[in-house]
Amino acid sequence: MDIKKIGGYGYIQGINKKHIEKINRKDFKASDFSSSLEIKKLLKDAKEIPEVRQELVDKLKDAIKNGTFKVDPEKIAKSILGG
């Protein structure tokens, strides 16, 4: 039994061609493109948001340094327990 010929390269290429033809023939709607543009805009906006909110970090550092930072143990416990 020769297993090298079962589902070989030619078979896969044939499937790939059929798949590409289906994609090329697909009827695109205007809403498909507007959704795509909206997603691109949202991604662009998200990339412009800084990863670190420096203003908040500085405020928390000052509160810790001054001893005015208050810890709410109940809030921490709820967060840990998923509540």
N, C-alpha and C. Protein backbone atom coordinates (compact mmCIF):
# COMPACT_ATOMS: atom_id res chain seq x y z
N MET A 1 0.85 -1.18 0.00
CA MET A 1 0.00 0.00 0.00
C MET A 1 0.89 1.24 0.00
N ASP A 2 0.63 2.14 -0.92
CA ASP A 2 1.43 3.36 -1.05
C ASP A 2 0.61 4.52 -0.49
N ILE A 3 0.98 5.00 0.71
CA ILE A 3 0.20 6.07 1.35
C ILE A 3 0.65 7.46 0.94
N LYS A 4 1.70 7.56 0.16
CA LYS A 4 2.22 8.87 -0.24
C LYS A 4 1.27 9.60 -1.18
N LYS A 5 0.45 8.87 -1.90
CA LYS A 5 -0.43 9.49 -2.89
C LYS A 5 -1.79 9.89 -2.32
N ILE A 6 -2.08 9.48 -1.10
CA ILE A 6 -3.39 9.79 -0.51
C ILE A 6 -3.37 11.22 0.00
N GLY A 7 -4.27 12.04 -0.53
CA GLY A 7 -4.39 13.42 -0.08
C GLY A 7 -3.11 14.20 -0.25
N GLY A 8 -2.44 14.02 -1.33
CA GLY A 8 -1.16 14.67 -1.55
C GLY A 8 -1.28 16.14 -1.90
N TYR A 9 -0.19 16.68 -2.37
CA TYR A 9 -0.07 18.09 -2.69
C TYR A 9 -1.10 18.53 -3.73
N GLY A 10 -1.29 17.75 -4.76
CA GLY A 10 -2.25 18.09 -5.81
C GLY A 10 -3.66 18.19 -5.28
N TYR A 11 -4.01 17.29 -4.40
CA TYR A 11 -5.34 17.29 -3.80
C TYR A 11 -5.56 18.58 -2.99
N ILE A 12 -4.58 18.94 -2.21
CA ILE A 12 -4.67 20.14 -1.38
C ILE A 12 -4.74 21.38 -2.26
N GLN A 13 -3.94 21.43 -3.31
CA GLN A 13 -3.97 22.58 -4.22
C GLN A 13 -5.34 22.72 -4.87
N GLY A 14 -5.95 21.60 -5.22
CA GLY A 14 -7.29 21.64 -5.81
C GLY A 14 -8.31 22.23 -4.85
N ILE A 15 -8.22 21.84 -3.60
CA ILE A 15 -9.13 22.38 -2.59
C ILE A 15 -8.88 23.87 -2.42
N ASN A 16 -7.62 24.27 -2.36
CA ASN A 16 -7.29 25.69 -2.20
C ASN A 16 -7.83 26.52 -3.36
N LYS A 17 -7.72 26.01 -4.60
CA LYS A 17 -8.23 26.74 -5.76
C LYS A 17 -9.74 26.92 -5.66
N LYS A 18 -10.45 25.86 -5.26
CA LYS A 18 -11.90 25.95 -5.14
C LYS A 18 -12.28 26.97 -4.07
N HIS A 19 -11.55 26.96 -2.97
CA HIS A 19 -11.83 27.89 -1.88
C HIS A 19 -11.61 29.33 -2.33
N ILE A 20 -10.53 29.58 -3.04
CA ILE A 20 -10.22 30.93 -3.53
C ILE A 20 -11.27 31.38 -4.53
N GLU A 21 -11.72 30.48 -5.40
CA GLU A 21 -12.76 30.84 -6.37
C GLU A 21 -14.05 31.24 -5.66
N LYS A 22 -14.40 30.52 -4.59
CA LYS A 22 -15.61 30.86 -3.84
C LYS A 22 -15.48 32.24 -3.22
N ILE A 23 -14.31 32.53 -2.68
CA ILE A 23 -14.09 33.84 -2.06
C ILE A 23 -14.18 34.94 -3.12
N ASN A 24 -13.58 34.72 -4.28
CA ASN A 24 -13.59 35.72 -5.34
C ASN A 24 -14.99 35.97 -5.88
N ARG A 25 -15.83 34.94 -5.86
CA ARG A 25 -17.18 35.06 -6.40
C ARG A 25 -18.18 35.62 -5.40
N LYS A 26 -17.79 35.69 -4.14
CA LYS A 26 -18.72 36.12 -3.10
C LYS A 26 -19.24 37.53 -3.39
N ASP A 27 -20.53 37.70 -3.21
CA ASP A 27 -21.14 39.01 -3.39
C ASP A 27 -20.94 39.82 -2.12
N PHE A 28 -20.20 40.90 -2.24
CA PHE A 28 -19.97 41.75 -1.09
C PHE A 28 -21.04 42.82 -1.04
N LYS A 29 -21.48 43.12 0.17
CA LYS A 29 -22.48 44.15 0.37
C LYS A 29 -21.78 45.41 0.85
N ALA A 30 -22.41 46.54 0.64
CA ALA A 30 -21.85 47.81 1.09
C ALA A 30 -21.68 47.81 2.61
N SER A 31 -22.58 47.12 3.31
CA SER A 31 -22.48 47.08 4.77
C SER A 31 -21.23 46.34 5.22
N ASP A 32 -20.75 45.37 4.42
CA ASP A 32 -19.52 44.66 4.75
C ASP A 32 -18.35 45.64 4.79
N PHE A 33 -18.32 46.53 3.83
CA PHE A 33 -17.22 47.49 3.75
C PHE A 33 -17.33 48.56 4.84
N SER A 34 -18.55 49.01 5.13
CA SER A 34 -18.70 50.04 6.16
C SER A 34 -18.33 49.48 7.53
N SER A 35 -18.65 48.20 7.78
CA SER A 35 -18.25 47.57 9.03
C SER A 35 -16.74 47.49 9.12
N SER A 36 -16.12 47.15 8.02
CA SER A 36 -14.66 47.06 7.98
C SER A 36 -14.02 48.41 8.25
N LEU A 37 -14.56 49.46 7.65
CA LEU A 37 -14.03 50.80 7.88
C LEU A 37 -14.23 51.23 9.33
N GLU A 38 -15.37 50.87 9.89
CA GLU A 38 -15.64 51.22 11.28
C GLU A 38 -14.66 50.51 12.22
N ILE A 39 -14.38 49.25 11.93
CA ILE A 39 -13.43 48.49 12.74
C ILE A 39 -12.04 49.11 12.64
N LYS A 40 -11.64 49.49 11.44
CA LYS A 40 -10.33 50.12 11.26
C LYS A 40 -10.24 51.41 12.06
N LYS A 41 -11.31 52.20 12.06
CA LYS A 41 -11.32 53.46 12.80
C LYS A 41 -11.22 53.20 14.30
N LEU A 42 -11.97 52.21 14.79
CA LEU A 42 -11.92 51.88 16.21
C LEU A 42 -10.54 51.40 16.63
N LEU A 43 -9.91 50.58 15.78
CA LEU A 43 -8.56 50.12 16.08
C LEU A 43 -7.58 51.28 16.14
N LYS A 44 -7.71 52.20 15.20
CA LYS A 44 -6.83 53.37 15.17
C LYS A 44 -7.02 54.19 16.45
N ASP A 45 -8.27 54.41 16.84
CA ASP A 45 -8.56 55.17 18.06
C ASP A 45 -8.01 54.46 19.29
N ALA A 46 -8.14 53.13 19.33
CA ALA A 46 -7.64 52.37 20.48
C ALA A 46 -6.13 52.45 20.59
N LYS A 47 -5.45 52.48 19.45
CA LYS A 47 -3.99 52.57 19.48
C LYS A 47 -3.50 53.92 19.98
N GLU A 48 -4.34 54.94 19.87
CA GLU A 48 -3.96 56.28 20.32
C GLU A 48 -4.12 56.47 21.83
N ILE A 49 -4.85 55.57 22.48
CA ILE A 49 -5.04 55.66 23.93
C ILE A 49 -3.76 55.16 24.60
N PRO A 50 -3.21 55.94 25.52
CA PRO A 50 -1.98 55.50 26.18
C PRO A 50 -2.23 54.27 27.04
N GLU A 51 -1.24 53.37 27.08
CA GLU A 51 -1.38 52.16 27.88
C GLU A 51 -1.40 52.49 29.37
N VAL A 52 -0.61 53.49 29.76
CA VAL A 52 -0.53 53.88 31.16
C VAL A 52 -1.18 55.25 31.31
N ARG A 53 -2.13 55.35 32.21
CA ARG A 53 -2.75 56.64 32.48
C ARG A 53 -1.90 57.34 33.53
N GLN A 54 -0.90 58.05 33.05
CA GLN A 54 0.12 58.65 33.91
C GLN A 54 -0.48 59.56 34.97
N GLU A 55 -1.52 60.28 34.61
CA GLU A 55 -2.17 61.18 35.56
C GLU A 55 -2.69 60.41 36.77
N LEU A 56 -3.34 59.27 36.52
CA LEU A 56 -3.87 58.44 37.60
C LEU A 56 -2.74 57.82 38.42
N VAL A 57 -1.69 57.37 37.75
CA VAL A 57 -0.55 56.77 38.44
C VAL A 57 0.08 57.79 39.38
N ASP A 58 0.28 59.02 38.91
CA ASP A 58 0.87 60.07 39.74
C ASP A 58 -0.01 60.39 40.95
N LYS A 59 -1.31 60.43 40.72
CA LYS A 59 -2.26 60.71 41.80
C LYS A 59 -2.19 59.63 42.88
N LEU A 60 -2.13 58.36 42.45
CA LEU A 60 -2.05 57.25 43.40
C LEU A 60 -0.72 57.26 44.14
N LYS A 61 0.37 57.55 43.44
CA LYS A 61 1.69 57.63 44.09
C LYS A 61 1.69 58.69 45.18
N ASP A 62 1.13 59.85 44.87
CA ASP A 62 1.07 60.93 45.85
C ASP A 62 0.23 60.53 47.07
N ALA A 63 -0.90 59.87 46.82
CA ALA A 63 -1.77 59.45 47.92
C ALA A 63 -1.06 58.43 48.81
N ILE A 64 -0.31 57.52 48.23
CA ILE A 64 0.44 56.53 49.01
C ILE A 64 1.54 57.23 49.80
N LYS A 65 2.26 58.12 49.14
CA LYS A 65 3.36 58.83 49.79
C LYS A 65 2.87 59.68 50.96
N ASN A 66 1.71 60.33 50.80
CA ASN A 66 1.16 61.20 51.84
C ASN A 66 0.39 60.45 52.92
N GLY A 67 0.15 59.16 52.69
CA GLY A 67 -0.60 58.37 53.66
C GLY A 67 -2.10 58.58 53.57
N THR A 68 -2.57 59.13 52.46
CA THR A 68 -4.01 59.38 52.31
C THR A 68 -4.71 58.32 51.46
N PHE A 69 -3.96 57.34 50.99
CA PHE A 69 -4.54 56.28 50.17
C PHE A 69 -5.28 55.31 51.09
N LYS A 70 -6.54 55.12 50.86
CA LYS A 70 -7.37 54.25 51.68
C LYS A 70 -7.67 52.96 50.93
N VAL A 71 -7.50 51.85 51.63
CA VAL A 71 -7.77 50.53 51.06
C VAL A 71 -9.13 50.07 51.56
N ASP A 72 -9.97 49.60 50.64
CA ASP A 72 -11.29 49.08 51.01
C ASP A 72 -11.20 47.56 50.96
N PRO A 73 -11.04 46.90 52.12
CA PRO A 73 -10.86 45.44 52.13
C PRO A 73 -12.05 44.68 51.54
N GLU A 74 -13.25 45.20 51.73
CA GLU A 74 -14.43 44.52 51.18
C GLU A 74 -14.41 44.54 49.65
N LYS A 75 -14.01 45.67 49.09
CA LYS A 75 -13.93 45.78 47.63
C LYS A 75 -12.87 44.83 47.07
N ILE A 76 -11.75 44.74 47.76
CA ILE A 76 -10.68 43.83 47.33
C ILE A 76 -11.17 42.39 47.40
N ALA A 77 -11.83 42.03 48.52
CA ALA A 77 -12.33 40.66 48.68
C ALA A 77 -13.35 40.31 47.59
N LYS A 78 -14.24 41.25 47.27
CA LYS A 78 -15.23 40.99 46.22
C LYS A 78 -14.55 40.78 44.86
N SER A 79 -13.52 41.58 44.60
CA SER A 79 -12.80 41.43 43.32
C SER A 79 -12.10 40.09 43.24
N ILE A 80 -11.51 39.67 44.35
CA ILE A 80 -10.80 38.38 44.36
C ILE A 80 -11.79 37.23 44.18
N LEU A 81 -12.94 37.34 44.83
CA LEU A 81 -13.94 36.26 44.77
C LEU A 81 -14.81 36.33 43.52
N GLY A 82 -14.61 37.34 42.70
CA GLY A 82 -15.35 37.43 41.45
C GLY A 82 -16.71 38.09 41.61
N GLY A 83 -16.90 38.85 42.61
CA GLY A 83 -18.19 39.47 42.85
C GLY A 83 -18.16 40.88 42.55
